[in-house]
Amino acid sequence: MIKTLPTPQDHLKERREVATRWGGDPVITSNGFLPVATSFLWYAAHLEPGGLNPAQMLFVLHLMSHKWSEKKPYPSYERVAGRMGVSVAYCRKIARDLEKRGFLKRTQRQGESNLYDLSPLFAKLAVYVQNRRREKTNLHPTHSQVEVRKG
């Protein structure tokens, strides 16, 4: 029997598998997994006005776990509250506060759960990231951005 040596790509693939990154037992990811923008994790607490607190961030992540396309997610407060381990009233409070501060828009539907529009949050996050990049560039200009003074 001829044995082949593992390639560097095999090693990268193994390290990047979601189940592997979560301890190796595929049962952990059997209900799916949620891709999360690192910018959200890094900067949501710094968005204006007032930033998102950990409970609000978790609420957004639960909404995102129901967002499979550009369409607005619509999980019930009962479902989100049960998964977060909080009361329905607290979930409503989180949504109300996010809406009041311009991070979320809710559309009430007769006899159905709300639609949640996260585009205001996404827009604020994009602006924040762009501003940080500009600030970082201004602090550390590239060679092409440095004005050459002739004397």
N, C-alpha and C. Protein backbone atom coordinates (compact mmCIF):
# COMPACT_ATOMS: atom_id res chain seq x y z
N MET A 1 0.84 -1.19 0.00
CA MET A 1 0.00 0.00 0.00
C MET A 1 0.88 1.24 0.00
N ILE A 2 0.57 2.16 -0.88
CA ILE A 2 1.33 3.40 -0.99
C ILE A 2 0.66 4.46 -0.12
N LYS A 3 1.48 5.03 0.76
CA LYS A 3 0.98 6.09 1.62
C LYS A 3 1.35 7.44 1.02
N THR A 4 0.41 8.36 1.04
CA THR A 4 0.72 9.71 0.57
C THR A 4 0.86 10.61 1.79
N LEU A 5 1.75 11.52 1.66
CA LEU A 5 1.94 12.48 2.75
C LEU A 5 0.86 13.55 2.67
N PRO A 6 0.46 14.06 3.83
CA PRO A 6 -0.54 15.14 3.81
C PRO A 6 0.06 16.39 3.16
N THR A 7 -0.76 17.11 2.45
CA THR A 7 -0.32 18.36 1.82
C THR A 7 -0.61 19.52 2.77
N PRO A 8 0.03 20.66 2.56
CA PRO A 8 -0.29 21.84 3.38
C PRO A 8 -1.77 22.22 3.28
N GLN A 9 -2.37 21.99 2.12
CA GLN A 9 -3.78 22.32 1.94
C GLN A 9 -4.66 21.43 2.82
N ASP A 10 -4.29 20.16 3.00
CA ASP A 10 -5.05 19.27 3.88
C ASP A 10 -5.05 19.82 5.29
N HIS A 11 -3.91 20.29 5.74
CA HIS A 11 -3.80 20.82 7.09
C HIS A 11 -4.67 22.07 7.25
N LEU A 12 -4.65 22.95 6.25
CA LEU A 12 -5.49 24.15 6.32
C LEU A 12 -6.96 23.80 6.33
N LYS A 13 -7.36 22.85 5.50
CA LYS A 13 -8.76 22.44 5.44
C LYS A 13 -9.22 21.90 6.78
N GLU A 14 -8.41 21.06 7.39
CA GLU A 14 -8.77 20.49 8.69
C GLU A 14 -8.95 21.59 9.73
N ARG A 15 -8.04 22.55 9.76
CA ARG A 15 -8.12 23.62 10.75
C ARG A 15 -9.32 24.52 10.53
N ARG A 16 -9.78 24.64 9.29
CA ARG A 16 -10.85 25.58 8.98
C ARG A 16 -12.24 24.97 9.05
N GLU A 17 -12.35 23.68 9.17
CA GLU A 17 -13.67 23.06 9.29
C GLU A 17 -14.36 23.62 10.54
N VAL A 18 -15.61 23.98 10.40
CA VAL A 18 -16.33 24.58 11.52
C VAL A 18 -16.38 23.63 12.71
N ALA A 19 -16.72 22.38 12.49
CA ALA A 19 -16.81 21.42 13.59
C ALA A 19 -15.46 21.28 14.30
N THR A 20 -14.39 21.28 13.54
CA THR A 20 -13.05 21.18 14.14
C THR A 20 -12.78 22.38 15.03
N ARG A 21 -13.15 23.55 14.55
CA ARG A 21 -12.91 24.77 15.32
C ARG A 21 -13.75 24.81 16.59
N TRP A 22 -14.84 24.05 16.62
CA TRP A 22 -15.71 23.99 17.79
C TRP A 22 -15.48 22.70 18.58
N GLY A 23 -14.30 22.17 18.53
CA GLY A 23 -13.95 21.03 19.37
C GLY A 23 -13.93 19.69 18.67
N GLY A 24 -14.40 19.61 17.45
CA GLY A 24 -14.29 18.38 16.68
C GLY A 24 -15.52 17.50 16.63
N ASP A 25 -16.49 17.68 17.50
CA ASP A 25 -17.68 16.85 17.49
C ASP A 25 -18.73 17.49 16.58
N PRO A 26 -19.04 16.85 15.44
CA PRO A 26 -19.97 17.46 14.49
C PRO A 26 -21.38 17.66 15.04
N VAL A 27 -21.73 17.04 16.14
CA VAL A 27 -23.06 17.25 16.71
C VAL A 27 -23.25 18.71 17.12
N ILE A 28 -22.15 19.37 17.47
CA ILE A 28 -22.22 20.78 17.89
C ILE A 28 -22.73 21.66 16.75
N THR A 29 -22.32 21.37 15.53
CA THR A 29 -22.73 22.19 14.38
C THR A 29 -23.86 21.55 13.58
N SER A 30 -24.45 20.50 14.10
CA SER A 30 -25.50 19.80 13.35
C SER A 30 -26.77 20.63 13.16
N ASN A 31 -26.97 21.65 13.99
CA ASN A 31 -28.10 22.56 13.82
C ASN A 31 -27.75 23.74 12.93
N GLY A 32 -26.53 23.74 12.41
CA GLY A 32 -26.06 24.83 11.57
C GLY A 32 -25.05 25.68 12.31
N PHE A 33 -24.57 26.68 11.62
CA PHE A 33 -23.64 27.62 12.23
C PHE A 33 -23.89 28.98 11.61
N LEU A 34 -23.42 29.99 12.27
CA LEU A 34 -23.71 31.36 11.88
C LEU A 34 -22.42 32.08 11.51
N PRO A 35 -22.27 32.48 10.25
CA PRO A 35 -21.11 33.32 9.93
C PRO A 35 -21.35 34.73 10.49
N VAL A 36 -20.37 35.24 11.19
CA VAL A 36 -20.51 36.56 11.81
C VAL A 36 -19.36 37.44 11.33
N ALA A 37 -19.70 38.63 10.89
CA ALA A 37 -18.67 39.58 10.48
C ALA A 37 -17.85 39.97 11.71
N THR A 38 -16.56 39.81 11.61
CA THR A 38 -15.68 40.15 12.73
C THR A 38 -15.84 41.62 13.10
N SER A 39 -16.10 42.47 12.13
CA SER A 39 -16.32 43.90 12.42
C SER A 39 -17.47 44.09 13.39
N PHE A 40 -18.50 43.26 13.29
CA PHE A 40 -19.62 43.35 14.23
C PHE A 40 -19.13 43.04 15.65
N LEU A 41 -18.37 41.97 15.80
CA LEU A 41 -17.88 41.59 17.12
C LEU A 41 -16.94 42.65 17.70
N TRP A 42 -16.10 43.21 16.86
CA TRP A 42 -15.11 44.18 17.33
C TRP A 42 -15.70 45.55 17.63
N TYR A 43 -16.70 45.97 16.84
CA TYR A 43 -17.10 47.38 16.89
C TYR A 43 -18.53 47.66 17.31
N ALA A 44 -19.39 46.68 17.43
CA ALA A 44 -20.80 46.95 17.77
C ALA A 44 -20.94 47.74 19.07
N ALA A 45 -20.08 47.49 20.02
CA ALA A 45 -20.14 48.20 21.30
C ALA A 45 -19.77 49.68 21.16
N HIS A 46 -19.17 50.05 20.02
CA HIS A 46 -18.70 51.42 19.83
C HIS A 46 -19.56 52.24 18.88
N LEU A 47 -20.59 51.63 18.31
CA LEU A 47 -21.44 52.35 17.35
C LEU A 47 -22.26 53.42 18.05
N GLU A 48 -22.53 54.49 17.34
CA GLU A 48 -23.34 55.58 17.89
C GLU A 48 -24.78 55.44 17.43
N PRO A 49 -25.72 55.76 18.29
CA PRO A 49 -25.54 56.29 19.63
C PRO A 49 -25.49 55.20 20.69
N GLY A 50 -24.52 55.27 21.54
CA GLY A 50 -24.47 54.44 22.74
C GLY A 50 -23.97 53.02 22.60
N GLY A 51 -23.71 52.55 21.40
CA GLY A 51 -23.21 51.19 21.23
C GLY A 51 -24.21 50.12 21.61
N LEU A 52 -23.90 48.89 21.25
CA LEU A 52 -24.74 47.75 21.61
C LEU A 52 -24.12 47.05 22.82
N ASN A 53 -24.95 46.67 23.77
CA ASN A 53 -24.45 45.91 24.92
C ASN A 53 -24.46 44.41 24.55
N PRO A 54 -23.87 43.57 25.38
CA PRO A 54 -23.80 42.14 25.02
C PRO A 54 -25.15 41.48 24.76
N ALA A 55 -26.18 41.83 25.51
CA ALA A 55 -27.50 41.24 25.27
C ALA A 55 -28.05 41.68 23.92
N GLN A 56 -27.84 42.94 23.56
CA GLN A 56 -28.30 43.44 22.26
C GLN A 56 -27.53 42.78 21.13
N MET A 57 -26.23 42.58 21.32
CA MET A 57 -25.44 41.89 20.31
C MET A 57 -25.93 40.46 20.12
N LEU A 58 -26.23 39.78 21.22
CA LEU A 58 -26.72 38.41 21.13
C LEU A 58 -28.09 38.38 20.44
N PHE A 59 -28.93 39.34 20.73
CA PHE A 59 -30.23 39.43 20.07
C PHE A 59 -30.05 39.56 18.56
N VAL A 60 -29.13 40.44 18.14
CA VAL A 60 -28.85 40.62 16.71
C VAL A 60 -28.35 39.31 16.11
N LEU A 61 -27.47 38.62 16.80
CA LEU A 61 -26.96 37.34 16.29
C LEU A 61 -28.08 36.33 16.13
N HIS A 62 -29.03 36.32 17.05
CA HIS A 62 -30.18 35.41 16.91
C HIS A 62 -31.04 35.80 15.71
N LEU A 63 -31.21 37.10 15.50
CA LEU A 63 -31.94 37.52 14.29
C LEU A 63 -31.18 37.07 13.05
N MET A 64 -29.87 37.23 13.06
CA MET A 64 -29.05 36.84 11.91
C MET A 64 -29.11 35.33 11.66
N SER A 65 -29.33 34.55 12.70
CA SER A 65 -29.42 33.10 12.50
C SER A 65 -30.68 32.72 11.72
N HIS A 66 -31.58 33.68 11.54
CA HIS A 66 -32.80 33.48 10.74
C HIS A 66 -32.73 34.24 9.41
N LYS A 67 -31.61 34.82 9.11
CA LYS A 67 -31.47 35.62 7.88
C LYS A 67 -30.62 34.82 6.89
N TRP A 68 -31.27 34.31 5.85
CA TRP A 68 -30.60 33.45 4.88
C TRP A 68 -30.37 34.11 3.54
N SER A 69 -30.86 35.32 3.38
CA SER A 69 -30.72 36.05 2.11
C SER A 69 -30.85 37.52 2.44
N GLU A 70 -31.15 38.33 1.42
CA GLU A 70 -31.35 39.76 1.66
C GLU A 70 -32.68 40.04 2.35
N LYS A 71 -33.54 39.02 2.42
CA LYS A 71 -34.86 39.20 3.05
C LYS A 71 -34.72 39.42 4.56
N LYS A 72 -35.70 40.12 5.09
CA LYS A 72 -35.70 40.42 6.53
C LYS A 72 -36.07 39.17 7.33
N PRO A 73 -35.35 38.89 8.42
CA PRO A 73 -35.71 37.74 9.25
C PRO A 73 -36.97 38.04 10.07
N TYR A 74 -37.64 36.98 10.51
CA TYR A 74 -38.89 37.18 11.26
C TYR A 74 -39.11 36.15 12.37
N PRO A 75 -38.10 35.86 13.19
CA PRO A 75 -38.35 34.94 14.29
C PRO A 75 -39.26 35.58 15.34
N SER A 76 -39.98 34.77 16.06
CA SER A 76 -40.86 35.31 17.10
C SER A 76 -40.04 35.68 18.33
N TYR A 77 -40.59 36.60 19.12
CA TYR A 77 -39.94 36.94 20.38
C TYR A 77 -39.82 35.71 21.27
N GLU A 78 -40.82 34.85 21.23
CA GLU A 78 -40.80 33.64 22.06
C GLU A 78 -39.61 32.75 21.69
N ARG A 79 -39.39 32.59 20.40
CA ARG A 79 -38.27 31.75 19.95
C ARG A 79 -36.93 32.35 20.37
N VAL A 80 -36.75 33.64 20.11
CA VAL A 80 -35.48 34.29 20.45
C VAL A 80 -35.27 34.30 21.96
N ALA A 81 -36.30 34.63 22.70
CA ALA A 81 -36.19 34.67 24.16
C ALA A 81 -35.82 33.30 24.72
N GLY A 82 -36.48 32.25 24.21
CA GLY A 82 -36.17 30.91 24.68
C GLY A 82 -34.74 30.51 24.41
N ARG A 83 -34.23 30.88 23.26
CA ARG A 83 -32.85 30.53 22.91
C ARG A 83 -31.83 31.39 23.66
N MET A 84 -32.21 32.63 23.98
CA MET A 84 -31.31 33.49 24.75
C MET A 84 -31.38 33.21 26.24
N GLY A 85 -32.44 32.55 26.68
CA GLY A 85 -32.61 32.29 28.11
C GLY A 85 -33.09 33.52 28.87
N VAL A 86 -33.88 34.34 28.20
CA VAL A 86 -34.43 35.55 28.82
C VAL A 86 -35.94 35.57 28.60
N SER A 87 -36.61 36.54 29.19
CA SER A 87 -38.06 36.65 29.02
C SER A 87 -38.41 37.28 27.68
N VAL A 88 -39.63 37.04 27.23
CA VAL A 88 -40.14 37.66 26.02
C VAL A 88 -40.17 39.18 26.21
N ALA A 89 -40.55 39.62 27.40
CA ALA A 89 -40.60 41.06 27.68
C ALA A 89 -39.22 41.69 27.52
N TYR A 90 -38.18 41.00 27.95
CA TYR A 90 -36.82 41.53 27.80
C TYR A 90 -36.43 41.59 26.33
N CYS A 91 -36.79 40.59 25.55
CA CYS A 91 -36.51 40.63 24.10
C CYS A 91 -37.21 41.81 23.45
N ARG A 92 -38.44 42.04 23.83
CA ARG A 92 -39.17 43.20 23.28
C ARG A 92 -38.47 44.50 23.66
N LYS A 93 -37.99 44.57 24.89
CA LYS A 93 -37.27 45.76 25.36
C LYS A 93 -36.00 45.98 24.54
N ILE A 94 -35.27 44.92 24.27
CA ILE A 94 -34.05 45.02 23.47
C ILE A 94 -34.40 45.55 22.07
N ALA A 95 -35.42 44.96 21.45
CA ALA A 95 -35.81 45.38 20.10
C ALA A 95 -36.27 46.84 20.10
N ARG A 96 -37.05 47.21 21.10
CA ARG A 96 -37.55 48.58 21.20
C ARG A 96 -36.38 49.57 21.31
N ASP A 97 -35.40 49.23 22.16
CA ASP A 97 -34.26 50.11 22.35
C ASP A 97 -33.41 50.21 21.08
N LEU A 98 -33.18 49.08 20.42
CA LEU A 98 -32.41 49.11 19.17
C LEU A 98 -33.12 49.94 18.10
N GLU A 99 -34.45 49.84 18.07
CA GLU A 99 -35.22 50.61 17.10
C GLU A 99 -35.18 52.10 17.45
N LYS A 100 -35.34 52.42 18.72
CA LYS A 100 -35.35 53.80 19.18
C LYS A 100 -34.02 54.50 18.84
N ARG A 101 -32.92 53.76 18.92
CA ARG A 101 -31.60 54.33 18.67
C ARG A 101 -31.15 54.20 17.21
N GLY A 102 -32.06 53.70 16.35
CA GLY A 102 -31.79 53.70 14.93
C GLY A 102 -30.94 52.54 14.42
N PHE A 103 -30.89 51.43 15.16
CA PHE A 103 -30.13 50.26 14.72
C PHE A 103 -31.01 49.22 14.03
N LEU A 104 -32.31 49.32 14.22
CA LEU A 104 -33.24 48.27 13.79
C LEU A 104 -34.56 48.92 13.40
N LYS A 105 -35.23 48.32 12.41
CA LYS A 105 -36.60 48.72 12.07
C LYS A 105 -37.46 47.47 12.15
N ARG A 106 -38.56 47.60 12.87
CA ARG A 106 -39.49 46.47 12.98
C ARG A 106 -40.73 46.77 12.15
N THR A 107 -41.22 45.75 11.47
CA THR A 107 -42.48 45.84 10.75
C THR A 107 -43.43 44.84 11.39
N GLN A 108 -44.50 45.36 12.00
CA GLN A 108 -45.48 44.46 12.61
C GLN A 108 -46.37 43.89 11.52
N ARG A 109 -46.67 42.60 11.69
CA ARG A 109 -47.55 41.92 10.72
C ARG A 109 -48.72 41.32 11.50
N GLN A 110 -49.88 41.45 10.95
CA GLN A 110 -51.09 40.95 11.59
C GLN A 110 -51.04 39.43 11.72
N GLY A 111 -51.09 38.93 12.96
CA GLY A 111 -51.14 37.49 13.21
C GLY A 111 -49.84 36.75 12.95
N GLU A 112 -48.76 37.48 12.70
CA GLU A 112 -47.46 36.86 12.44
C GLU A 112 -46.38 37.61 13.22
N SER A 113 -45.20 37.02 13.28
CA SER A 113 -44.10 37.69 13.97
C SER A 113 -43.60 38.89 13.15
N ASN A 114 -42.92 39.79 13.83
CA ASN A 114 -42.38 40.99 13.19
C ASN A 114 -41.34 40.63 12.13
N LEU A 115 -41.20 41.52 11.17
CA LEU A 115 -40.05 41.51 10.28
C LEU A 115 -39.02 42.43 10.91
N TYR A 116 -37.76 42.04 10.88
CA TYR A 116 -36.69 42.84 11.47
C TYR A 116 -35.75 43.30 10.36
N ASP A 117 -35.64 44.59 10.19
CA ASP A 117 -34.76 45.17 9.19
C ASP A 117 -33.48 45.60 9.90
N LEU A 118 -32.39 44.92 9.60
CA LEU A 118 -31.10 45.22 10.23
C LEU A 118 -30.25 46.16 9.38
N SER A 119 -30.78 46.65 8.27
CA SER A 119 -29.97 47.51 7.39
C SER A 119 -29.47 48.78 8.09
N PRO A 120 -30.22 49.39 9.02
CA PRO A 120 -29.66 50.56 9.71
C PRO A 120 -28.40 50.20 10.51
N LEU A 121 -28.39 49.05 11.16
CA LEU A 121 -27.22 48.59 11.89
C LEU A 121 -26.06 48.35 10.93
N PHE A 122 -26.34 47.66 9.81
CA PHE A 122 -25.29 47.38 8.84
C PHE A 122 -24.69 48.68 8.30
N ALA A 123 -25.54 49.67 8.04
CA ALA A 123 -25.06 50.95 7.51
C ALA A 123 -24.16 51.66 8.53
N LYS A 124 -24.58 51.68 9.79
CA LYS A 124 -23.77 52.32 10.83
C LYS A 124 -22.44 51.59 11.01
N LEU A 125 -22.48 50.27 10.94
CA LEU A 125 -21.26 49.48 11.08
C LEU A 125 -20.31 49.75 9.92
N ALA A 126 -20.83 49.81 8.71
CA ALA A 126 -19.99 50.08 7.53
C ALA A 126 -19.31 51.45 7.65
N VAL A 127 -20.06 52.46 8.08
CA VAL A 127 -19.50 53.80 8.24
C VAL A 127 -18.41 53.79 9.31
N TYR A 128 -18.67 53.10 10.41
CA TYR A 128 -17.69 53.03 11.49
C TYR A 128 -16.39 52.40 11.02
N VAL A 129 -16.51 51.27 10.30
CA VAL A 129 -15.32 50.57 9.80
C VAL A 129 -14.57 51.46 8.81
N GLN A 130 -15.30 52.12 7.91
CA GLN A 130 -14.65 53.02 6.94
C GLN A 130 -13.92 54.16 7.65
N ASN A 131 -14.55 54.73 8.67
CA ASN A 131 -13.91 55.82 9.42
C ASN A 131 -12.66 55.35 10.15
N ARG A 132 -12.72 54.16 10.72
CA ARG A 132 -11.54 53.60 11.39
C ARG A 132 -10.40 53.41 10.40
N ARG A 133 -10.73 52.92 9.23
CA ARG A 133 -9.69 52.72 8.21
C ARG A 133 -9.07 54.05 7.80
N ARG A 134 -9.93 55.07 7.63
CA ARG A 134 -9.42 56.39 7.27
C ARG A 134 -8.51 56.94 8.37
N GLU A 135 -8.94 56.80 9.62
CA GLU A 135 -8.13 57.28 10.75
C GLU A 135 -6.80 56.54 10.80
N LYS A 136 -6.85 55.24 10.60
CA LYS A 136 -5.63 54.44 10.63
C LYS A 136 -4.70 54.85 9.50
N THR A 137 -5.25 55.11 8.33
CA THR A 137 -4.46 55.55 7.18
C THR A 137 -3.85 56.92 7.47
N ASN A 138 -4.61 57.80 8.11
CA ASN A 138 -4.09 59.13 8.44
C ASN A 138 -2.98 59.05 9.48
N LEU A 139 -3.08 58.10 10.39
CA LEU A 139 -2.04 57.92 11.41
C LEU A 139 -0.79 57.30 10.82
N HIS A 140 -0.96 56.42 9.84
CA HIS A 140 0.15 55.68 9.23
C HIS A 140 0.03 55.77 7.71
N PRO A 141 0.32 56.92 7.13
CA PRO A 141 0.14 57.06 5.69
C PRO A 141 1.10 56.15 4.92
N THR A 142 0.64 55.69 3.78
CA THR A 142 1.50 54.89 2.92
C THR A 142 2.48 55.83 2.23
N HIS A 143 3.48 55.27 1.62
CA HIS A 143 4.51 56.07 0.95
C HIS A 143 3.89 56.99 -0.10
N SER A 144 2.91 56.48 -0.83
CA SER A 144 2.30 57.28 -1.89
C SER A 144 1.45 58.43 -1.34
N GLN A 145 1.08 58.35 -0.04
CA GLN A 145 0.26 59.40 0.55
C GLN A 145 1.10 60.47 1.23
N VAL A 146 2.39 60.22 1.41
CA VAL A 146 3.25 61.19 2.08
C VAL A 146 3.64 62.25 1.07
N GLU A 147 3.41 63.51 1.46
CA GLU A 147 3.76 64.62 0.57
C GLU A 147 5.27 64.82 0.63
N VAL A 148 5.87 64.83 -0.51
CA VAL A 148 7.31 65.05 -0.59
C VAL A 148 7.55 66.54 -0.72
N ARG A 149 8.29 67.08 0.21
CA ARG A 149 8.59 68.52 0.19
C ARG A 149 9.99 68.72 -0.37
N LYS A 150 10.04 69.58 -1.33
CA LYS A 150 11.35 69.91 -1.91
C LYS A 150 11.78 71.25 -1.33
N GLY A 151 13.01 71.30 -0.92
CA GLY A 151 13.42 72.51 -0.25
C GLY A 151 14.50 73.15 -0.89
